[in-house]
Amino acid sequence: MAGVKGKSGGPRPNSGGKRAGAGRKPKAKATESANQPGVPAPAENPLAFLLSVQNNMQAPLKDRIRASVAAAQYLHLKKGDGGIKDDRKDAAKKAGGGKFGPRKAPTLVVSNR
């Protein structure tokens, strides 16, 4: 009976309390790659690590492809990555050649007559 102390009938479904699956999940244990065959040891240089994964024939093909895609950005620049200053520098080199380029210095001959 509602309103009477001690006669509420106990907890009802969906009336609060602990829910199943609620709260923080436990952390997964880290696997050590040093003990697994075919997994290269991490290097100090990230590029060297990516290249070692890419060249490892025992690694799965999917991992090798992902490593090569990630390493490509460090090895090759896209055309738009140069910037305005680099474009101007290249244009100045191109304009400074040919007819308007620097000339050979005159040869100085000493004659003691």
Protein backbone atom coordinates (compact mmCIF):
# COMPACT_ATOMS: atom_id res chain seq x y z
CA MET A 1 0.00 0.00 0.00
CA ALA A 2 1.32 3.33 -1.00
CA GLY A 3 1.95 5.80 1.77
CA VAL A 4 2.01 3.20 4.55
CA LYS A 5 5.41 2.56 6.06
CA GLY A 6 6.65 -0.98 5.54
CA LYS A 7 3.91 -1.94 3.08
CA SER A 8 5.49 -0.72 -0.16
CA GLY A 9 5.98 -4.20 -1.58
CA GLY A 10 9.74 -3.96 -2.13
CA PRO A 11 11.72 -2.90 -5.19
CA ARG A 12 9.96 -2.80 -8.50
CA PRO A 13 11.53 -3.39 -11.90
CA ASN A 14 13.18 -0.32 -13.46
CA SER A 15 12.98 1.55 -10.18
CA GLY A 16 16.72 2.30 -9.93
CA GLY A 17 19.55 0.42 -8.38
CA LYS A 18 22.47 -1.34 -10.00
CA ARG A 19 22.13 -1.96 -13.72
CA ALA A 20 23.80 -4.88 -15.46
CA GLY A 21 26.83 -3.78 -17.50
CA ALA A 22 27.05 -0.37 -15.83
CA GLY A 23 30.33 1.15 -14.66
CA ARG A 24 33.88 1.19 -15.93
CA LYS A 25 35.09 -1.76 -17.89
CA PRO A 26 38.22 -3.59 -16.70
CA LYS A 27 41.41 -2.79 -18.63
CA ALA A 28 42.62 -5.38 -21.09
CA LYS A 29 46.02 -6.88 -20.37
CA ALA A 30 48.75 -5.68 -22.72
CA THR A 31 50.30 -8.37 -24.87
CA GLU A 32 54.05 -8.36 -25.11
CA SER A 33 55.17 -8.30 -28.72
CA ALA A 34 58.71 -9.38 -27.83
CA ASN A 35 57.50 -12.91 -27.10
CA GLN A 36 55.37 -13.24 -30.23
CA PRO A 37 57.10 -14.55 -33.35
CA GLY A 38 56.85 -12.42 -36.46
CA VAL A 39 56.28 -9.15 -34.58
CA PRO A 40 59.23 -6.76 -34.79
CA ALA A 41 60.49 -5.10 -31.64
CA PRO A 42 59.58 -1.41 -31.40
CA ALA A 43 62.34 0.92 -32.55
CA GLU A 44 63.23 4.37 -31.28
CA ASN A 45 62.31 5.91 -34.63
CA PRO A 46 58.64 5.49 -35.66
CA LEU A 47 59.57 5.53 -39.35
CA ALA A 48 62.08 2.73 -38.82
CA PHE A 49 59.43 0.70 -37.00
CA LEU A 50 56.88 1.21 -39.79
CA LEU A 51 59.44 0.21 -42.41
CA SER A 52 60.39 -2.89 -40.42
CA VAL A 53 56.73 -3.94 -40.26
CA GLN A 54 56.35 -3.24 -43.98
CA ASN A 55 59.38 -5.39 -44.85
CA ASN A 56 58.50 -8.23 -42.44
CA MET A 57 57.32 -11.13 -44.60
CA GLN A 58 55.89 -12.99 -41.58
CA ALA A 59 53.52 -10.15 -40.68
CA PRO A 60 49.96 -10.33 -42.05
CA LEU A 61 49.47 -8.59 -45.40
CA LYS A 62 46.85 -6.26 -43.93
CA ASP A 63 49.32 -4.96 -41.31
CA ARG A 64 52.09 -4.59 -43.90
CA ILE A 65 49.84 -2.50 -46.16
CA ARG A 66 48.74 -0.25 -43.29
CA ALA A 67 52.38 0.27 -42.25
CA SER A 68 53.40 1.19 -45.80
CA VAL A 69 50.55 3.70 -46.10
CA ALA A 70 51.51 5.27 -42.76
CA ALA A 71 55.21 5.43 -43.71
CA ALA A 72 54.52 6.99 -47.12
CA GLN A 73 53.63 10.36 -45.61
CA TYR A 74 57.10 10.60 -44.08
CA LEU A 75 58.95 9.61 -47.25
CA HIS A 76 57.05 11.49 -49.99
CA LEU A 77 55.59 14.99 -50.03
CA LYS A 78 52.32 15.78 -51.74
CA LYS A 79 52.39 18.59 -54.28
CA GLY A 80 50.43 20.97 -52.03
CA ASP A 81 52.58 20.35 -48.94
CA GLY A 82 55.47 22.53 -50.10
CA GLY A 83 53.97 25.91 -49.25
CA ILE A 84 54.13 29.33 -50.87
CA LYS A 85 57.76 30.04 -49.96
CA ASP A 86 58.94 26.80 -51.55
CA ASP A 87 56.97 27.57 -54.73
CA ARG A 88 58.53 31.04 -54.94
CA LYS A 89 61.99 29.58 -54.37
CA ASP A 90 61.51 27.09 -57.20
CA ALA A 91 60.18 29.82 -59.51
CA ALA A 92 63.21 32.01 -58.72
CA LYS A 93 65.59 29.17 -59.58
CA LYS A 94 63.80 28.59 -62.85
CA ALA A 95 63.82 32.31 -63.75
CA GLY A 96 67.46 32.70 -62.77
CA GLY A 97 68.66 30.28 -65.42
CA GLY A 98 69.10 30.60 -69.18
CA LYS A 99 69.45 34.09 -70.69
CA PHE A 100 69.14 35.89 -67.36
CA GLY A 101 71.32 33.53 -65.34
CA PRO A 102 74.67 34.38 -63.77
CA ARG A 103 77.53 34.72 -66.20
CA LYS A 104 81.01 33.34 -65.95
CA ALA A 105 83.45 35.69 -64.23
CA PRO A 106 86.01 37.39 -66.45
CA THR A 107 89.44 35.85 -66.47
CA LEU A 108 92.05 38.12 -64.99
CA VAL A 109 95.39 38.00 -66.72
CA VAL A 110 98.40 39.65 -65.16
CA SER A 111 100.90 40.96 -67.61
CA ASN A 112 104.12 42.41 -66.28
CA ARG A 113 105.42 44.21 -69.39
